[in-house]
Structure formats: structure tokens, C-alpha cells
Amino acid sequence: MTTAEFWPEKGIQRCDWLPVNRDSAPFGLSGDSIAVAYGEPHFTLSVSVAAPPGSQLARDWSTFMRRRKGRQVTFSANRPFQSFPVNPAIVSDSTLAVAASDRAASTVTLSGPDSTLSQPSDMIGFFTANSGFYVGEIVTALGGGTFEVWPPPFNPHASTANPRRIKALGEFRMDGDFAPKEAHDGWSLRFTATQVIRK
């Protein structure tokens, strides 16, 4: 199972989770329009961080970014401004399980005492069969613990899916090197990252 390091999370001023719909693309020089496979839909991150100069937070982010070794080492991240479900009755995911996932229908069915309480815009994540992270956004509650999600889900891990609605995680890789700005009045950083897909 992947053990991508969790990011520092604090000090984030902006974090855009941008959906990339790469399931198909138009193609054809003759004027005909056909669809060709073009990769998996995924999220990209655009992040801005700010911290007081010389603070522990600035040091935490600086060393975290250096441990990425450019694009070599991935990290896990939650959606910081949408980390918790809409329904305040969801306080734990310890009894939650993935009963089924249907990639073609883009649905996930959850089981457990409060499995039906999730609502559209909640994030959901779990470990996949190939030891990666699936993370998606609930689009529609279909009833009975079944939810339409984006992007389409992969199969959950057979023994340790560990589904999460609270701080659901995705795995990401830096798009390039980072360039922090250090000044007497503050430390700041901007970077972009792309979701890693491990089906």
C-alpha cells in the first residue's frame, strides 16, 4: 500500500482542486468526429501557502517540499476547504465500509451505521485494489447508501479499503520544482501538482 506522506496542510491560503476530464477527446482530420481514449479523469492542485518568516510552519513546508525531490516522491493531500461532510452527524468513519463500486455507472455504495448520511459535495476516498488512493466528490445521493461520484471509482482494496469522508485523501505528484519567497515580512510558496492514478 502506498505511504505517500501527508502534506503539512496548515497555512494554505488557496487550494484549487481542478477537475480534468480526460476520458475522451475529439479527433479526425477529415472533419469526422470520433472519440479516442485519452487517459483517466483526475484532479490537479493549485496551491498557495503563506507563513510568518522563520516560523516552524515555514520550516515544515520547506522541508516537506525538499522531501518531494522534485517530482520523484508523491504526497497525499485532502481538500482543505472541503475536508468535512455537510452533515454534522458524521463524526467518524471507523465503521464505514465500501459495499460496492461501479465504474461504468460512476457509483459507490457505502455500508455502516451512518452510510446514508453523506450529501452532494462531500468528498470520499479509499485505498484501491492496486494500493493507491481513490478520491472523488459526491455528485448525487441515489439512496440506500449509493452515491454518484466524480471521477468514476476504482475497485476498493480487498482487505483494507479504509473509506474516508472526513479528510478524504488523494495522492499527488509535484508538477515541477518549487520556488518559495522568503522576506522579512513573510514566507510564501506556490505550486501545482497532479493526481497519481493507481487503479
N, C-alpha and C. Protein backbone atom coordinates (compact mmCIF):
# COMPACT_ATOMS: atom_id res chain seq x y z
N MET A 1 0.84 -1.18 0.00
CA MET A 1 0.00 0.00 0.00
C MET A 1 0.88 1.24 0.00
N THR A 2 0.54 2.22 -0.79
CA THR A 2 1.34 3.43 -0.87
C THR A 2 1.30 4.18 0.46
N THR A 3 2.42 4.78 0.82
CA THR A 3 2.50 5.52 2.07
C THR A 3 2.91 6.95 1.78
N ALA A 4 2.30 7.55 0.80
CA ALA A 4 2.63 8.93 0.44
C ALA A 4 2.46 9.84 1.65
N GLU A 5 3.48 10.63 1.95
CA GLU A 5 3.48 11.49 3.14
C GLU A 5 2.34 12.51 3.08
N PHE A 6 1.66 12.71 4.21
CA PHE A 6 0.59 13.70 4.28
C PHE A 6 1.21 15.09 4.33
N TRP A 7 0.65 16.01 3.57
CA TRP A 7 1.22 17.35 3.50
C TRP A 7 0.99 18.12 4.79
N PRO A 8 1.73 19.24 5.02
CA PRO A 8 1.57 19.98 6.26
C PRO A 8 0.18 20.58 6.48
N GLU A 9 -0.55 20.88 5.42
CA GLU A 9 -1.94 21.35 5.42
C GLU A 9 -2.12 22.77 5.97
N LYS A 10 -1.49 23.15 7.05
CA LYS A 10 -1.69 24.48 7.64
C LYS A 10 -1.03 25.56 6.81
N GLY A 11 -1.57 26.77 6.93
CA GLY A 11 -1.01 27.92 6.23
C GLY A 11 -1.46 28.05 4.80
N ILE A 12 -2.37 27.19 4.36
CA ILE A 12 -2.82 27.23 2.97
C ILE A 12 -3.78 28.41 2.78
N GLN A 13 -3.44 29.29 1.87
CA GLN A 13 -4.28 30.44 1.56
C GLN A 13 -5.28 30.14 0.45
N ARG A 14 -4.84 29.30 -0.46
CA ARG A 14 -5.69 28.92 -1.59
C ARG A 14 -5.32 27.51 -2.02
N CYS A 15 -6.34 26.72 -2.34
CA CYS A 15 -6.08 25.35 -2.82
C CYS A 15 -7.20 24.98 -3.77
N ASP A 16 -6.93 25.12 -5.06
CA ASP A 16 -7.92 24.79 -6.08
C ASP A 16 -7.78 23.33 -6.47
N TRP A 17 -8.88 22.57 -6.30
CA TRP A 17 -8.93 21.19 -6.79
C TRP A 17 -9.60 21.27 -8.16
N LEU A 18 -8.81 21.23 -9.21
CA LEU A 18 -9.32 21.43 -10.56
C LEU A 18 -9.61 20.09 -11.22
N PRO A 19 -10.87 19.85 -11.63
CA PRO A 19 -11.19 18.59 -12.30
C PRO A 19 -10.69 18.60 -13.75
N VAL A 20 -10.05 17.52 -14.15
CA VAL A 20 -9.56 17.37 -15.52
C VAL A 20 -10.31 16.20 -16.14
N ASN A 21 -11.17 16.48 -17.10
CA ASN A 21 -11.95 15.43 -17.77
C ASN A 21 -11.18 14.91 -18.96
N ARG A 22 -10.41 13.85 -18.74
CA ARG A 22 -9.56 13.33 -19.81
C ARG A 22 -10.04 11.96 -20.26
N ASP A 23 -11.33 11.72 -20.23
CA ASP A 23 -11.81 10.39 -20.60
C ASP A 23 -11.89 10.19 -22.11
N SER A 24 -12.03 11.27 -22.88
CA SER A 24 -12.06 11.14 -24.33
C SER A 24 -11.74 12.48 -24.96
N ALA A 25 -11.44 12.46 -26.25
CA ALA A 25 -11.12 13.70 -26.96
C ALA A 25 -11.57 13.58 -28.41
N PRO A 26 -12.05 14.67 -28.99
CA PRO A 26 -12.42 14.62 -30.41
C PRO A 26 -11.18 14.51 -31.28
N PHE A 27 -11.30 13.78 -32.38
CA PHE A 27 -10.14 13.58 -33.25
C PHE A 27 -10.63 13.29 -34.66
N GLY A 28 -9.90 13.69 -35.63
CA GLY A 28 -10.23 13.36 -37.02
C GLY A 28 -9.93 14.51 -37.94
N LEU A 29 -8.97 14.33 -38.83
CA LEU A 29 -8.60 15.39 -39.76
C LEU A 29 -9.61 15.52 -40.90
N SER A 30 -10.42 14.50 -41.11
CA SER A 30 -11.36 14.52 -42.22
C SER A 30 -12.61 15.34 -41.92
N GLY A 31 -12.70 15.82 -40.69
CA GLY A 31 -13.91 16.55 -40.30
C GLY A 31 -14.87 15.68 -39.53
N ASP A 32 -14.65 14.35 -39.59
CA ASP A 32 -15.48 13.46 -38.79
C ASP A 32 -15.08 13.58 -37.32
N SER A 33 -16.03 13.38 -36.45
CA SER A 33 -15.75 13.47 -35.03
C SER A 33 -15.89 12.09 -34.41
N ILE A 34 -14.81 11.59 -33.88
CA ILE A 34 -14.83 10.32 -33.20
C ILE A 34 -14.21 10.52 -31.82
N ALA A 35 -14.36 9.53 -30.94
CA ALA A 35 -13.78 9.63 -29.61
C ALA A 35 -12.66 8.61 -29.46
N VAL A 36 -11.57 9.03 -28.88
CA VAL A 36 -10.46 8.12 -28.61
C VAL A 36 -10.14 8.18 -27.12
N ALA A 37 -9.66 7.04 -26.58
CA ALA A 37 -9.28 7.00 -25.16
C ALA A 37 -8.14 7.99 -24.92
N TYR A 38 -8.21 8.72 -23.83
CA TYR A 38 -7.25 9.79 -23.60
C TYR A 38 -6.88 9.89 -22.13
N GLY A 39 -6.80 8.78 -21.42
CA GLY A 39 -6.40 8.81 -20.03
C GLY A 39 -7.57 8.88 -19.07
N GLU A 40 -7.25 8.94 -17.78
CA GLU A 40 -8.24 8.93 -16.73
C GLU A 40 -8.58 10.34 -16.26
N PRO A 41 -9.84 10.62 -15.96
CA PRO A 41 -10.17 11.90 -15.33
C PRO A 41 -9.52 11.97 -13.96
N HIS A 42 -9.09 13.16 -13.57
CA HIS A 42 -8.36 13.31 -12.31
C HIS A 42 -8.43 14.75 -11.83
N PHE A 43 -7.85 14.98 -10.65
CA PHE A 43 -7.74 16.33 -10.09
C PHE A 43 -6.31 16.85 -10.24
N THR A 44 -6.19 18.16 -10.42
CA THR A 44 -4.90 18.83 -10.25
C THR A 44 -5.06 19.85 -9.13
N LEU A 45 -3.96 20.14 -8.45
CA LEU A 45 -3.97 21.11 -7.36
C LEU A 45 -3.21 22.35 -7.76
N SER A 46 -3.73 23.50 -7.37
CA SER A 46 -3.01 24.77 -7.48
C SER A 46 -3.05 25.38 -6.08
N VAL A 47 -1.89 25.48 -5.45
CA VAL A 47 -1.81 25.78 -4.02
C VAL A 47 -0.97 27.01 -3.75
N SER A 48 -1.45 27.85 -2.83
CA SER A 48 -0.68 28.98 -2.32
C SER A 48 -0.60 28.85 -0.81
N VAL A 49 0.62 29.00 -0.27
CA VAL A 49 0.87 28.86 1.16
C VAL A 49 1.53 30.14 1.66
N ALA A 50 1.17 30.56 2.87
CA ALA A 50 1.82 31.71 3.50
C ALA A 50 2.09 31.39 4.96
N ALA A 51 3.22 31.86 5.46
CA ALA A 51 3.59 31.62 6.85
C ALA A 51 4.44 32.79 7.35
N PRO A 52 4.46 33.01 8.66
CA PRO A 52 5.34 34.05 9.20
C PRO A 52 6.80 33.71 8.92
N PRO A 53 7.65 34.71 8.73
CA PRO A 53 9.06 34.43 8.43
C PRO A 53 9.73 33.71 9.59
N GLY A 54 10.51 32.67 9.28
CA GLY A 54 11.23 31.95 10.31
C GLY A 54 10.39 31.09 11.23
N SER A 55 9.10 30.95 10.93
CA SER A 55 8.21 30.18 11.79
C SER A 55 8.42 28.68 11.57
N GLN A 56 7.93 27.89 12.52
CA GLN A 56 8.01 26.45 12.36
C GLN A 56 7.19 25.99 11.16
N LEU A 57 6.08 26.69 10.90
CA LEU A 57 5.24 26.34 9.75
C LEU A 57 6.01 26.50 8.43
N ALA A 58 6.74 27.60 8.31
CA ALA A 58 7.55 27.82 7.10
C ALA A 58 8.60 26.73 6.98
N ARG A 59 9.20 26.34 8.09
CA ARG A 59 10.22 25.29 8.08
C ARG A 59 9.60 23.94 7.71
N ASP A 60 8.40 23.68 8.24
CA ASP A 60 7.72 22.41 7.93
C ASP A 60 7.44 22.29 6.44
N TRP A 61 6.92 23.37 5.84
CA TRP A 61 6.63 23.34 4.41
C TRP A 61 7.92 23.23 3.59
N SER A 62 8.95 23.96 3.99
CA SER A 62 10.21 23.95 3.24
C SER A 62 10.81 22.54 3.21
N THR A 63 10.86 21.88 4.37
CA THR A 63 11.44 20.54 4.40
C THR A 63 10.53 19.52 3.73
N PHE A 64 9.22 19.71 3.85
CA PHE A 64 8.29 18.82 3.15
C PHE A 64 8.51 18.88 1.64
N MET A 65 8.64 20.09 1.12
CA MET A 65 8.84 20.25 -0.33
C MET A 65 10.18 19.66 -0.77
N ARG A 66 11.21 19.76 0.05
CA ARG A 66 12.51 19.19 -0.32
C ARG A 66 12.46 17.66 -0.32
N ARG A 67 11.62 17.10 0.56
CA ARG A 67 11.48 15.63 0.57
C ARG A 67 10.75 15.10 -0.66
N ARG A 68 10.10 15.96 -1.43
CA ARG A 68 9.48 15.53 -2.68
C ARG A 68 10.53 15.22 -3.75
N LYS A 69 11.74 15.74 -3.59
CA LYS A 69 12.83 15.52 -4.55
C LYS A 69 12.38 15.83 -5.97
N GLY A 70 11.84 17.03 -6.12
CA GLY A 70 11.27 17.41 -7.41
C GLY A 70 9.96 16.69 -7.64
N ARG A 71 9.92 15.80 -8.63
CA ARG A 71 8.72 15.02 -8.93
C ARG A 71 8.83 13.57 -8.47
N GLN A 72 9.92 13.22 -7.80
CA GLN A 72 10.18 11.81 -7.51
C GLN A 72 9.26 11.22 -6.46
N VAL A 73 8.99 11.96 -5.40
CA VAL A 73 8.27 11.41 -4.25
C VAL A 73 6.88 12.03 -4.17
N THR A 74 5.85 11.20 -4.15
CA THR A 74 4.48 11.68 -4.11
C THR A 74 4.09 12.08 -2.68
N PHE A 75 2.91 12.69 -2.56
CA PHE A 75 2.38 13.06 -1.25
C PHE A 75 0.87 12.88 -1.26
N SER A 76 0.29 12.79 -0.09
CA SER A 76 -1.16 12.69 0.00
C SER A 76 -1.72 14.01 0.53
N ALA A 77 -2.89 14.38 0.04
CA ALA A 77 -3.50 15.65 0.42
C ALA A 77 -5.01 15.52 0.47
N ASN A 78 -5.61 16.25 1.39
CA ASN A 78 -7.06 16.37 1.47
C ASN A 78 -7.48 17.68 0.81
N ARG A 79 -8.77 17.87 0.69
CA ARG A 79 -9.30 19.13 0.14
C ARG A 79 -9.55 20.06 1.33
N PRO A 80 -8.60 20.95 1.64
CA PRO A 80 -8.62 21.64 2.94
C PRO A 80 -9.83 22.52 3.21
N PHE A 81 -10.46 23.05 2.18
CA PHE A 81 -11.63 23.89 2.40
C PHE A 81 -12.94 23.12 2.21
N GLN A 82 -12.82 21.80 2.12
CA GLN A 82 -13.99 20.93 2.00
C GLN A 82 -13.65 19.58 2.64
N SER A 83 -13.01 19.66 3.81
CA SER A 83 -12.48 18.45 4.45
C SER A 83 -13.54 17.63 5.16
N PHE A 84 -14.63 18.26 5.56
CA PHE A 84 -15.62 17.57 6.38
C PHE A 84 -16.96 17.49 5.66
N PRO A 85 -17.72 16.42 5.90
CA PRO A 85 -19.03 16.28 5.27
C PRO A 85 -19.98 17.41 5.68
N VAL A 86 -21.00 17.63 4.85
CA VAL A 86 -22.01 18.66 5.14
C VAL A 86 -22.77 18.31 6.41
N ASN A 87 -23.12 17.05 6.58
CA ASN A 87 -23.94 16.62 7.72
C ASN A 87 -23.08 16.53 8.98
N PRO A 88 -23.38 17.36 10.00
CA PRO A 88 -22.56 17.35 11.22
C PRO A 88 -22.69 16.06 12.03
N ALA A 89 -23.66 15.21 11.68
CA ALA A 89 -23.81 13.94 12.39
C ALA A 89 -22.70 12.96 12.03
N ILE A 90 -21.97 13.22 10.93
CA ILE A 90 -20.86 12.34 10.54
C ILE A 90 -19.63 12.79 11.33
N VAL A 91 -19.30 12.03 12.35
CA VAL A 91 -18.16 12.39 13.21
C VAL A 91 -17.04 11.35 13.16
N SER A 92 -17.28 10.23 12.51
CA SER A 92 -16.27 9.17 12.43
C SER A 92 -16.52 8.31 11.20
N ASP A 93 -15.43 7.76 10.66
CA ASP A 93 -15.53 6.82 9.54
C ASP A 93 -15.08 5.43 9.96
N SER A 94 -14.94 5.19 11.25
CA SER A 94 -14.37 3.93 11.74
C SER A 94 -15.23 2.72 11.40
N THR A 95 -16.54 2.90 11.26
CA THR A 95 -17.41 1.77 10.94
C THR A 95 -17.84 1.75 9.48
N LEU A 96 -17.30 2.65 8.68
CA LEU A 96 -17.69 2.77 7.28
C LEU A 96 -17.00 1.71 6.43
N ALA A 97 -17.70 1.17 5.45
CA ALA A 97 -17.13 0.20 4.51
C ALA A 97 -17.63 0.49 3.11
N VAL A 98 -16.87 0.07 2.10
CA VAL A 98 -17.29 0.17 0.71
C VAL A 98 -17.96 -1.14 0.34
N ALA A 99 -19.28 -1.11 0.20
CA ALA A 99 -20.02 -2.33 -0.13
C ALA A 99 -19.88 -2.67 -1.60
N ALA A 100 -19.81 -1.66 -2.46
CA ALA A 100 -19.68 -1.89 -3.90
C ALA A 100 -19.20 -0.61 -4.59
N SER A 101 -18.56 -0.80 -5.74
CA SER A 101 -18.22 0.34 -6.59
C SER A 101 -18.51 -0.06 -8.03
N ASP A 102 -19.04 0.85 -8.80
CA ASP A 102 -19.40 0.57 -10.19
C ASP A 102 -18.80 1.66 -11.06
N ARG A 103 -17.73 1.33 -11.75
CA ARG A 103 -17.02 2.32 -12.55
C ARG A 103 -17.87 2.81 -13.72
N ALA A 104 -18.58 1.90 -14.37
CA ALA A 104 -19.39 2.28 -15.53
C ALA A 104 -20.50 3.24 -15.14
N ALA A 105 -21.12 3.01 -13.99
CA ALA A 105 -22.22 3.87 -13.52
C ALA A 105 -21.71 5.04 -12.69
N SER A 106 -20.41 5.05 -12.38
CA SER A 106 -19.79 6.09 -11.56
C SER A 106 -20.44 6.19 -10.18
N THR A 107 -20.63 5.02 -9.54
CA THR A 107 -21.27 4.99 -8.23
C THR A 107 -20.43 4.24 -7.21
N VAL A 108 -20.60 4.65 -5.96
CA VAL A 108 -20.02 3.96 -4.81
C VAL A 108 -21.15 3.69 -3.83
N THR A 109 -21.21 2.47 -3.30
CA THR A 109 -22.19 2.12 -2.28
C THR A 109 -21.46 1.88 -0.97
N LEU A 110 -21.89 2.61 0.06
CA LEU A 110 -21.27 2.51 1.38
C LEU A 110 -22.15 1.70 2.31
N SER A 111 -21.54 1.08 3.30
CA SER A 111 -22.31 0.38 4.33
C SER A 111 -21.76 0.77 5.69
N GLY A 112 -22.61 0.67 6.69
CA GLY A 112 -22.25 1.07 8.05
C GLY A 112 -23.37 1.89 8.65
N PRO A 113 -23.32 2.15 9.96
CA PRO A 113 -24.41 2.81 10.66
C PRO A 113 -24.84 4.16 10.08
N ASP A 114 -23.89 4.96 9.61
CA ASP A 114 -24.27 6.28 9.07
C ASP A 114 -23.89 6.42 7.59
N SER A 115 -23.94 5.31 6.89
CA SER A 115 -23.50 5.29 5.48
C SER A 115 -24.42 6.07 4.55
N THR A 116 -25.64 6.36 4.98
CA THR A 116 -26.60 7.06 4.12
C THR A 116 -26.60 8.58 4.36
N LEU A 117 -25.77 9.07 5.27
CA LEU A 117 -25.83 10.48 5.67
C LEU A 117 -25.05 11.42 4.78
N SER A 118 -24.22 10.89 3.88
CA SER A 118 -23.43 11.76 3.00
C SER A 118 -24.33 12.52 2.04
N GLN A 119 -23.83 13.68 1.59
CA GLN A 119 -24.60 14.55 0.72
C GLN A 119 -23.74 15.01 -0.45
N PRO A 120 -24.37 15.50 -1.52
CA PRO A 120 -23.60 16.04 -2.63
C PRO A 120 -22.62 17.10 -2.15
N SER A 121 -21.45 17.10 -2.73
CA SER A 121 -20.29 17.95 -2.44
C SER A 121 -19.38 17.36 -1.37
N ASP A 122 -19.81 16.32 -0.65
CA ASP A 122 -18.91 15.62 0.26
C ASP A 122 -17.83 14.91 -0.54
N MET A 123 -16.64 14.86 0.01
CA MET A 123 -15.55 14.09 -0.60
C MET A 123 -15.56 12.69 0.00
N ILE A 124 -15.11 11.72 -0.80
CA ILE A 124 -14.99 10.35 -0.33
C ILE A 124 -13.72 9.75 -0.91
N GLY A 125 -13.03 8.96 -0.10
CA GLY A 125 -11.80 8.35 -0.56
C GLY A 125 -11.61 6.97 0.05
N PHE A 126 -10.81 6.15 -0.63
CA PHE A 126 -10.46 4.83 -0.10
C PHE A 126 -9.24 4.30 -0.83
N PHE A 127 -8.61 3.27 -0.23
CA PHE A 127 -7.49 2.61 -0.88
C PHE A 127 -8.03 1.72 -2.00
N THR A 128 -7.31 1.71 -3.12
CA THR A 128 -7.75 0.93 -4.29
C THR A 128 -7.10 -0.45 -4.31
N ALA A 129 -7.58 -1.27 -5.23
CA ALA A 129 -7.08 -2.64 -5.34
C ALA A 129 -5.58 -2.68 -5.59
N ASN A 130 -5.05 -1.69 -6.30
CA ASN A 130 -3.62 -1.64 -6.58
C ASN A 130 -2.87 -0.73 -5.62
N SER A 131 -3.43 -0.59 -4.41
CA SER A 131 -2.76 0.12 -3.32
C SER A 131 -2.52 1.59 -3.61
N GLY A 132 -3.45 2.22 -4.30
CA GLY A 132 -3.41 3.66 -4.49
C GLY A 132 -4.55 4.30 -3.72
N PHE A 133 -4.73 5.60 -3.92
CA PHE A 133 -5.84 6.33 -3.31
C PHE A 133 -6.88 6.63 -4.38
N TYR A 134 -8.14 6.33 -4.10
CA TYR A 134 -9.22 6.91 -4.90
C TYR A 134 -9.78 8.07 -4.08
N VAL A 135 -10.01 9.21 -4.70
CA VAL A 135 -10.70 10.31 -4.05
C VAL A 135 -11.66 10.92 -5.07
N GLY A 136 -12.88 11.18 -4.63
CA GLY A 136 -13.88 11.76 -5.52
C GLY A 136 -14.86 12.61 -4.76
N GLU A 137 -15.69 13.31 -5.51
CA GLU A 137 -16.71 14.18 -4.93
C GLU A 137 -18.08 13.56 -5.20
N ILE A 138 -18.91 13.53 -4.17
CA ILE A 138 -20.28 13.02 -4.34
C ILE A 138 -21.08 14.03 -5.15
N VAL A 139 -21.68 13.54 -6.23
CA VAL A 139 -22.46 14.40 -7.12
C VAL A 139 -23.95 14.30 -6.79
N THR A 140 -24.42 13.08 -6.55
CA THR A 140 -25.83 12.83 -6.28
C THR A 140 -25.97 11.70 -5.26
N ALA A 141 -26.88 11.88 -4.31
CA ALA A 141 -27.22 10.79 -3.39
C ALA A 141 -28.38 10.01 -4.01
N LEU A 142 -28.14 8.74 -4.31
CA LEU A 142 -29.13 7.92 -5.01
C LEU A 142 -30.00 7.10 -4.07
N GLY A 143 -29.68 7.13 -2.78
CA GLY A 143 -30.47 6.40 -1.79
C GLY A 143 -29.84 5.07 -1.41
N GLY A 144 -30.12 4.63 -0.20
CA GLY A 144 -29.64 3.33 0.26
C GLY A 144 -28.14 3.23 0.41
N GLY A 145 -27.46 4.37 0.59
CA GLY A 145 -26.01 4.36 0.73
C GLY A 145 -25.26 4.36 -0.59
N THR A 146 -25.98 4.53 -1.71
CA THR A 146 -25.35 4.58 -3.03
C THR A 146 -25.25 6.03 -3.49
N PHE A 147 -24.08 6.39 -4.03
CA PHE A 147 -23.83 7.77 -4.43
C PHE A 147 -23.15 7.81 -5.79
N GLU A 148 -23.60 8.74 -6.62
CA GLU A 148 -22.89 9.02 -7.86
C GLU A 148 -21.70 9.90 -7.50
N VAL A 149 -20.52 9.56 -8.03
CA VAL A 149 -19.30 10.29 -7.70
C VAL A 149 -18.55 10.70 -8.96
N TRP A 150 -17.68 11.71 -8.82
CA TRP A 150 -16.75 12.09 -9.88
C TRP A 150 -15.39 12.22 -9.26
N PRO A 151 -14.35 11.68 -9.87
CA PRO A 151 -14.35 10.85 -11.08
C PRO A 151 -14.87 9.45 -10.80
N PRO A 152 -15.07 8.63 -11.83
CA PRO A 152 -15.55 7.26 -11.62
C PRO A 152 -14.61 6.50 -10.69
N PRO A 153 -15.14 5.66 -9.82
CA PRO A 153 -14.30 4.99 -8.83
C PRO A 153 -13.58 3.77 -9.39
N PHE A 154 -12.49 3.42 -8.73
CA PHE A 154 -11.81 2.16 -8.99
C PHE A 154 -12.25 1.16 -7.93
N ASN A 155 -11.89 -0.10 -8.10
CA ASN A 155 -12.25 -1.10 -7.11
C ASN A 155 -11.51 -0.85 -5.80
N PRO A 156 -12.21 -1.00 -4.67
CA PRO A 156 -11.55 -0.80 -3.38
C PRO A 156 -10.59 -1.94 -3.06
N HIS A 157 -9.65 -1.68 -2.20
CA HIS A 157 -8.71 -2.71 -1.75
C HIS A 157 -9.49 -3.82 -1.06
N ALA A 158 -9.13 -5.06 -1.33
CA ALA A 158 -9.91 -6.21 -0.85
C ALA A 158 -9.93 -6.32 0.67
N SER A 159 -8.84 -5.94 1.34
CA SER A 159 -8.79 -6.13 2.79
C SER A 159 -8.75 -4.84 3.59
N THR A 160 -8.16 -3.78 3.04
CA THR A 160 -8.01 -2.54 3.80
C THR A 160 -8.39 -1.33 2.96
N ALA A 161 -9.66 -1.25 2.58
CA ALA A 161 -10.12 -0.10 1.78
C ALA A 161 -10.10 1.19 2.61
N ASN A 162 -10.41 1.09 3.89
CA ASN A 162 -10.40 2.24 4.81
C ASN A 162 -11.07 3.48 4.22
N PRO A 163 -12.35 3.42 3.89
CA PRO A 163 -13.01 4.59 3.29
C PRO A 163 -13.07 5.77 4.26
N ARG A 164 -12.97 6.97 3.69
CA ARG A 164 -12.98 8.19 4.48
C ARG A 164 -13.87 9.22 3.82
N ARG A 165 -14.70 9.86 4.62
CA ARG A 165 -15.40 11.07 4.20
C ARG A 165 -14.83 12.27 4.92
N ILE A 166 -14.18 12.05 6.05
CA ILE A 166 -13.51 13.10 6.81
C ILE A 166 -12.06 13.15 6.36
N LYS A 167 -11.67 14.25 5.74
CA LYS A 167 -10.33 14.40 5.19
C LYS A 167 -9.98 13.26 4.23
N ALA A 168 -10.83 13.04 3.26
CA ALA A 168 -10.55 12.05 2.22
C ALA A 168 -9.28 12.45 1.48
N LEU A 169 -8.43 11.46 1.19
CA LEU A 169 -7.11 11.75 0.66
C LEU A 169 -6.95 11.32 -0.80
N GLY A 170 -6.17 12.09 -1.53
CA GLY A 170 -5.71 11.71 -2.85
C GLY A 170 -4.19 11.71 -2.86
N GLU A 171 -3.60 11.03 -3.83
CA GLU A 171 -2.14 11.01 -3.98
C GLU A 171 -1.76 11.93 -5.13
N PHE A 172 -0.73 12.76 -4.91
CA PHE A 172 -0.35 13.76 -5.90
C PHE A 172 1.16 13.78 -6.11
N ARG A 173 1.55 14.26 -7.30
CA ARG A 173 2.96 14.41 -7.65
C ARG A 173 3.17 15.86 -8.09
N MET A 174 4.25 16.46 -7.62
CA MET A 174 4.57 17.83 -7.99
C MET A 174 4.70 17.96 -9.51
N ASP A 175 4.23 19.07 -10.05
CA ASP A 175 4.36 19.32 -11.49
C ASP A 175 5.76 19.81 -11.86
N GLY A 176 6.50 20.31 -10.89
CA GLY A 176 7.84 20.80 -11.16
C GLY A 176 8.49 21.21 -9.86
N ASP A 177 9.58 21.95 -9.94
CA ASP A 177 10.25 22.39 -8.73
C ASP A 177 9.45 23.51 -8.08
N PHE A 178 9.78 23.81 -6.84
CA PHE A 178 9.05 24.86 -6.13
C PHE A 178 9.97 26.05 -5.91
N ALA A 179 9.37 27.23 -5.76
CA ALA A 179 10.16 28.46 -5.59
C ALA A 179 9.58 29.27 -4.45
N PRO A 180 10.00 29.01 -3.21
CA PRO A 180 9.49 29.79 -2.09
C PRO A 180 10.01 31.23 -2.13
N LYS A 181 9.24 32.13 -1.55
CA LYS A 181 9.67 33.53 -1.44
C LYS A 181 9.88 33.83 0.04
N GLU A 182 11.09 34.22 0.37
CA GLU A 182 11.43 34.50 1.76
C GLU A 182 11.73 35.98 1.90
N ALA A 183 11.05 36.63 2.85
CA ALA A 183 11.24 38.06 3.06
C ALA A 183 11.06 38.37 4.55
N HIS A 184 11.40 39.60 4.93
CA HIS A 184 11.31 39.99 6.35
C HIS A 184 9.87 39.97 6.85
N ASP A 185 8.91 40.11 5.95
CA ASP A 185 7.51 40.19 6.37
C ASP A 185 6.71 38.92 6.10
N GLY A 186 7.38 37.87 5.64
CA GLY A 186 6.64 36.64 5.43
C GLY A 186 7.33 35.66 4.50
N TRP A 187 6.85 34.41 4.56
CA TRP A 187 7.35 33.32 3.72
C TRP A 187 6.17 32.82 2.91
N SER A 188 6.35 32.60 1.62
CA SER A 188 5.23 32.14 0.80
C SER A 188 5.71 31.16 -0.25
N LEU A 189 4.75 30.40 -0.75
CA LEU A 189 5.05 29.33 -1.69
C LEU A 189 3.84 29.10 -2.58
N ARG A 190 4.09 28.85 -3.86
CA ARG A 190 3.05 28.44 -4.79
C ARG A 190 3.53 27.21 -5.54
N PHE A 191 2.62 26.26 -5.75
CA PHE A 191 3.00 25.08 -6.52
C PHE A 191 1.75 24.44 -7.11
N THR A 192 1.95 23.59 -8.11
CA THR A 192 0.88 22.81 -8.70
C THR A 192 1.28 21.33 -8.64
N ALA A 193 0.28 20.48 -8.59
CA ALA A 193 0.52 19.04 -8.51
C ALA A 193 -0.60 18.31 -9.25
N THR A 194 -0.29 17.12 -9.72
CA THR A 194 -1.25 16.32 -10.47
C THR A 194 -1.52 15.01 -9.74
N GLN A 195 -2.78 14.60 -9.74
CA GLN A 195 -3.16 13.37 -9.06
C GLN A 195 -2.48 12.15 -9.68
N VAL A 196 -2.03 11.25 -8.83
CA VAL A 196 -1.44 9.99 -9.26
C VAL A 196 -2.53 8.93 -9.28
N ILE A 197 -2.68 8.23 -10.39
CA ILE A 197 -3.72 7.22 -10.54
C ILE A 197 -3.09 5.84 -10.41
N ARG A 198 -3.52 5.11 -9.40
CA ARG A 198 -3.12 3.71 -9.22
C ARG A 198 -4.42 2.90 -9.11
N LYS A 199 -4.85 2.30 -10.19
CA LYS A 199 -6.15 1.62 -10.23
C LYS A 199 -6.17 0.46 -9.26
